[in-house]
Amino acid sequence: ISGFRTKCYNRIDKLLKNSAVVFVTHSMPHVARMCKLSLCLEKGVSSGLLCVQEGIFNYNNSVQNKRVDTKRLGSKEATFVSIIVNKEKIEITQKSTVHIDYGDNLDFEISVISNKSCYITLDLTFHTRDGEAVAECNNYISEEKIYILDNHRNFIKVSIKKFSLNPGFYNLSILLMSENMTAHYDWLQNFCELFVKGKPAFAGQQFLADWELTHDEA
C-alpha cells in the first residue's frame, strides 16, 4: 500500500507542474502534503478558498466531536496498567486529547504487568480520523529487546524525537504482543487522541525511538 501511495504522490507531483489538480479527501495529512489551497464543504456549504493551514483548522473544528470509541482486546496474559503521554496521565477507560507542537518530542511512560516473564513487542500506531494508519513505532523496528518480568510492574519509556506528523487530529492505538507478534496480550484501540499543531510537512513514516525498561516488585 505504501509503495502504491508513493507512486500516486509522485504522479500528482508531476501533474502539478503543468496542470491544476482537484484533490478530494478527509485526510488532513494528505491535504497538507499535496495542496496549496483548500476548500472545506460542510452540508453543501463552502468555506471559500483558504490557505492550507486555515482549511485544516476549519476541518478539524468541524469534526472535533466526531471521536472514535476506544476498544480493548487481547488475551490479557500481560496488560497495560497505566499510560502517560508527555507527562499527562491517560485514563484508559476515558479518551483524552494530548496536544503537541510539530517537531517536539513525544514521550510515553507505559506500565505493564504480566503473568509470565517474556520478551514482548510493543507497537504504537497513529491513525487519521477516517481510520488510515499513517505512522507506526515499535521496538522491533527499533531493534530493541524488551523483557518483562512476572510479579513485577514493568515500566517502559518511549521517546519519539522530533515528532513529524502533519498538523491535525490522530487516533493513537497501543498493542502489547509476544516477541514474534503472533499473540496479542493487550490492545487498546484509539485510547488517546493526538492534536498536532504547527506548519505542515510530510507524513506517513516509521518512527525510531529510544526505549528504556525498568522493573518494580508488584
Protein backbone atom coordinates (compact mmCIF):
# COMPACT_ATOMS: atom_id res chain seq x y z
CA ILE A 1 0.00 0.00 0.00
CA SER A 2 2.77 2.45 0.94
CA GLY A 3 4.53 1.78 -2.39
CA PHE A 4 1.32 2.45 -4.32
CA ARG A 5 0.74 5.64 -2.32
CA THR A 6 4.26 6.84 -3.11
CA LYS A 7 3.66 6.25 -6.83
CA CYS A 8 0.43 8.28 -6.60
CA TYR A 9 2.23 11.13 -4.83
CA ASN A 10 4.95 11.15 -7.48
CA ARG A 11 2.40 11.17 -10.30
CA ILE A 12 0.44 14.03 -8.73
CA ASP A 13 3.68 15.98 -8.20
CA LYS A 14 4.37 15.68 -11.93
CA LEU A 15 0.83 16.77 -12.84
CA LEU A 16 1.06 19.81 -10.58
CA LYS A 17 3.93 21.22 -12.64
CA ASN A 18 1.70 21.75 -15.69
CA SER A 19 -1.91 21.50 -14.51
CA ALA A 20 -4.39 22.12 -11.71
CA VAL A 21 -5.38 19.13 -9.58
CA VAL A 22 -8.58 18.91 -7.52
CA PHE A 23 -7.82 16.58 -4.60
CA VAL A 24 -10.86 15.40 -2.59
CA THR A 25 -10.19 13.75 0.78
CA HIS A 26 -10.98 13.58 4.50
CA SER A 27 -7.29 13.06 5.28
CA MET A 28 -5.75 16.31 6.50
CA PRO A 29 -2.18 14.96 6.33
CA HIS A 30 -2.75 14.40 2.60
CA VAL A 31 -4.11 17.94 2.23
CA ALA A 32 -1.02 19.30 3.97
CA ARG A 33 1.19 17.11 1.79
CA MET A 34 -0.37 17.83 -1.61
CA CYS A 35 -2.27 21.13 -1.62
CA LYS A 36 -1.55 24.85 -1.89
CA LEU A 37 -5.15 25.99 -1.37
CA SER A 38 -8.12 24.37 0.38
CA LEU A 39 -11.88 24.47 0.29
CA CYS A 40 -13.96 22.83 3.02
CA LEU A 41 -17.53 21.69 2.32
CA GLU A 42 -19.97 21.07 5.15
CA LYS A 43 -23.53 20.05 4.27
CA GLY A 44 -23.06 21.59 0.84
CA VAL A 45 -21.82 24.94 2.17
CA SER A 46 -18.39 26.08 1.04
CA SER A 47 -15.87 27.85 3.26
CA GLY A 48 -14.35 29.52 0.20
CA LEU A 49 -10.75 29.18 -0.91
CA LEU A 50 -8.36 29.32 2.04
CA CYS A 51 -4.70 28.67 2.68
CA VAL A 52 -3.97 25.06 3.63
CA GLN A 53 -3.47 25.72 7.36
CA GLU A 54 -6.77 27.62 7.64
CA GLY A 55 -8.58 24.86 5.76
CA ILE A 56 -7.14 22.16 8.04
CA PHE A 57 -8.05 24.21 11.11
CA ASN A 58 -11.66 24.64 9.88
CA TYR A 59 -11.99 20.96 9.04
CA ASN A 60 -10.63 19.87 12.42
CA ASN A 61 -13.05 22.21 14.18
CA SER A 62 -15.97 20.75 12.23
CA VAL A 63 -15.14 17.17 13.22
CA GLN A 64 -13.69 17.70 16.71
CA ASN A 65 -16.66 16.00 18.39
CA LYS A 66 -16.71 13.01 16.00
CA ARG A 67 -14.46 10.73 18.03
CA VAL A 68 -13.87 7.03 17.55
CA ASP A 69 -14.70 4.84 20.54
CA THR A 70 -11.93 3.10 22.46
CA LYS A 71 -11.83 -0.71 22.24
CA ARG A 72 -9.82 -3.13 24.37
CA LEU A 73 -8.90 -6.58 23.07
CA GLY A 74 -6.34 -9.29 23.82
CA SER A 75 -5.68 -12.42 25.87
CA LYS A 76 -4.67 -10.40 29.00
CA GLU A 77 -1.60 -12.58 29.64
CA ALA A 78 0.09 -9.21 30.00
CA THR A 79 -1.79 -5.93 30.43
CA PHE A 80 -1.32 -2.18 30.47
CA VAL A 81 -1.68 -0.67 33.95
CA SER A 82 -1.08 3.00 33.16
CA ILE A 83 -0.02 5.19 30.26
CA ILE A 84 1.46 8.69 30.46
CA VAL A 85 1.83 10.77 27.29
CA ASN A 86 4.02 13.89 27.53
CA LYS A 87 3.60 13.86 31.34
CA GLU A 88 -0.21 13.66 31.03
CA LYS A 89 -1.76 10.56 32.59
CA ILE A 90 -4.24 8.93 30.22
CA GLU A 91 -7.41 7.42 31.64
CA ILE A 92 -7.63 4.18 29.69
CA THR A 93 -11.41 3.99 30.01
CA GLN A 94 -11.94 7.66 29.08
CA LYS A 95 -10.43 9.01 25.87
CA SER A 96 -8.16 12.03 26.29
CA THR A 97 -6.70 14.54 23.84
CA VAL A 98 -2.99 15.35 24.02
CA HIS A 99 -1.67 18.47 22.28
CA ILE A 100 1.80 18.60 20.74
CA ASP A 101 3.65 21.08 18.52
CA TYR A 102 5.03 19.77 15.25
CA GLY A 103 8.71 18.90 15.74
CA ASP A 104 8.53 18.44 19.53
CA ASN A 105 9.38 15.14 21.21
CA LEU A 106 6.53 12.75 22.01
CA ASP A 107 7.22 10.80 25.21
CA PHE A 108 5.42 7.79 26.68
CA GLU A 109 5.70 6.14 30.09
CA ILE A 110 3.94 2.79 29.99
CA SER A 111 3.36 0.45 32.92
CA VAL A 112 2.79 -3.26 32.23
CA ILE A 113 2.15 -6.34 34.39
CA SER A 114 2.39 -9.93 33.19
CA ASN A 115 1.63 -13.45 34.45
CA LYS A 116 4.87 -14.69 32.88
CA SER A 117 8.38 -13.42 32.19
CA CYS A 118 8.91 -13.00 28.46
CA TYR A 119 10.16 -10.87 25.60
CA ILE A 120 7.47 -8.63 24.14
CA THR A 121 6.86 -6.34 21.20
CA LEU A 122 5.15 -3.01 21.91
CA ASP A 123 3.53 -1.23 18.99
CA LEU A 124 2.21 2.33 18.74
CA THR A 125 0.08 3.15 15.69
CA PHE A 126 -1.20 6.55 14.56
CA HIS A 127 -4.41 6.76 12.52
CA THR A 128 -6.23 9.64 10.87
CA ARG A 129 -9.82 10.14 11.96
CA ASP A 130 -11.01 8.29 8.90
CA GLY A 131 -9.05 5.23 10.04
CA GLU A 132 -5.97 5.35 7.81
CA ALA A 133 -2.76 4.22 9.53
CA VAL A 134 -0.12 6.85 8.76
CA ALA A 135 2.73 6.03 11.16
CA GLU A 136 3.96 3.31 13.48
CA CYS A 137 6.56 2.88 16.18
CA ASN A 138 7.58 -0.38 17.82
CA ASN A 139 10.66 -1.81 19.49
CA TYR A 140 11.01 -4.49 16.78
CA ILE A 141 11.51 -1.77 14.18
CA SER A 142 13.94 -0.02 16.52
CA GLU A 143 15.75 -3.35 17.08
CA GLU A 144 15.30 -3.08 20.85
CA LYS A 145 14.64 -6.16 23.01
CA ILE A 146 12.16 -5.75 25.86
CA TYR A 147 11.99 -8.49 28.52
CA ILE A 148 9.22 -8.09 31.10
CA LEU A 149 9.11 -9.90 34.46
CA ASP A 150 6.19 -11.63 36.11
CA ASN A 151 5.15 -10.41 39.58
CA HIS A 152 6.63 -7.02 38.74
CA ARG A 153 5.31 -3.76 37.41
CA ASN A 154 7.39 -3.14 34.29
CA PHE A 155 8.00 0.45 33.22
CA ILE A 156 8.68 1.15 29.54
CA LYS A 157 9.72 4.60 28.36
CA VAL A 158 9.41 5.50 24.69
CA SER A 159 10.68 8.80 23.30
CA ILE A 160 9.89 9.73 19.70
CA LYS A 161 12.24 12.52 18.68
CA LYS A 162 11.05 15.49 16.62
CA PHE A 163 7.51 14.20 16.05
CA SER A 164 6.73 14.97 12.42
CA LEU A 165 3.16 14.05 11.52
CA ASN A 166 1.33 16.88 9.79
CA PRO A 167 -0.92 19.17 11.84
CA GLY A 168 -4.31 17.68 12.62
CA PHE A 169 -6.06 15.08 14.80
CA TYR A 170 -4.85 11.48 15.07
CA ASN A 171 -6.14 8.45 16.97
CA LEU A 172 -3.47 6.51 18.82
CA SER A 173 -3.57 2.74 19.45
CA ILE A 174 -1.15 0.67 21.53
CA LEU A 175 -0.62 -3.09 21.23
CA LEU A 176 1.28 -5.41 23.57
CA MET A 177 2.32 -8.61 21.77
CA SER A 178 4.56 -11.63 22.01
CA GLU A 179 8.04 -11.06 20.64
CA ASN A 180 7.18 -12.72 17.31
CA MET A 181 3.94 -10.65 17.17
CA THR A 182 1.68 -13.71 16.84
CA ALA A 183 -0.07 -13.40 20.24
CA HIS A 184 -1.91 -10.21 21.24
CA TYR A 185 -1.86 -9.71 25.01
CA ASP A 186 -3.48 -6.29 25.37
CA TRP A 187 -4.66 -3.99 22.60
CA LEU A 188 -6.03 -0.53 23.29
CA GLN A 189 -7.53 0.77 20.06
CA ASN A 190 -7.98 4.55 19.84
CA PHE A 191 -7.16 5.01 23.53
CA CYS A 192 -5.91 8.56 23.00
CA GLU A 193 -6.36 11.40 20.55
CA LEU A 194 -3.36 13.44 19.46
CA PHE A 195 -3.67 17.00 18.15
CA VAL A 196 -0.58 18.18 16.28
CA LYS A 197 -0.11 21.95 15.90
CA GLY A 198 2.28 23.82 13.62
CA LYS A 199 3.39 24.07 10.00
CA PRO A 200 2.57 21.17 7.65
CA ALA A 201 5.26 18.95 6.20
CA PHE A 202 5.33 15.29 5.12
CA ALA A 203 3.62 12.30 6.79
CA GLY A 204 3.37 8.55 6.62
CA GLN A 205 6.56 7.20 8.15
CA GLN A 206 8.04 4.80 10.65
CA PHE A 207 9.32 6.32 13.89
CA LEU A 208 12.57 5.22 15.51
CA ALA A 209 12.52 5.82 19.28
CA ASP A 210 14.71 5.50 22.36
CA TRP A 211 13.45 2.71 24.64
CA GLU A 212 14.07 2.16 28.36
CA LEU A 213 12.77 -0.65 30.62
CA THR A 214 12.80 -0.83 34.43
CA HIS A 215 11.08 -3.17 36.94
CA ASP A 216 9.45 -2.79 40.34
CA GLU A 217 8.08 -5.59 42.52
CA ALA A 218 4.29 -5.76 42.32
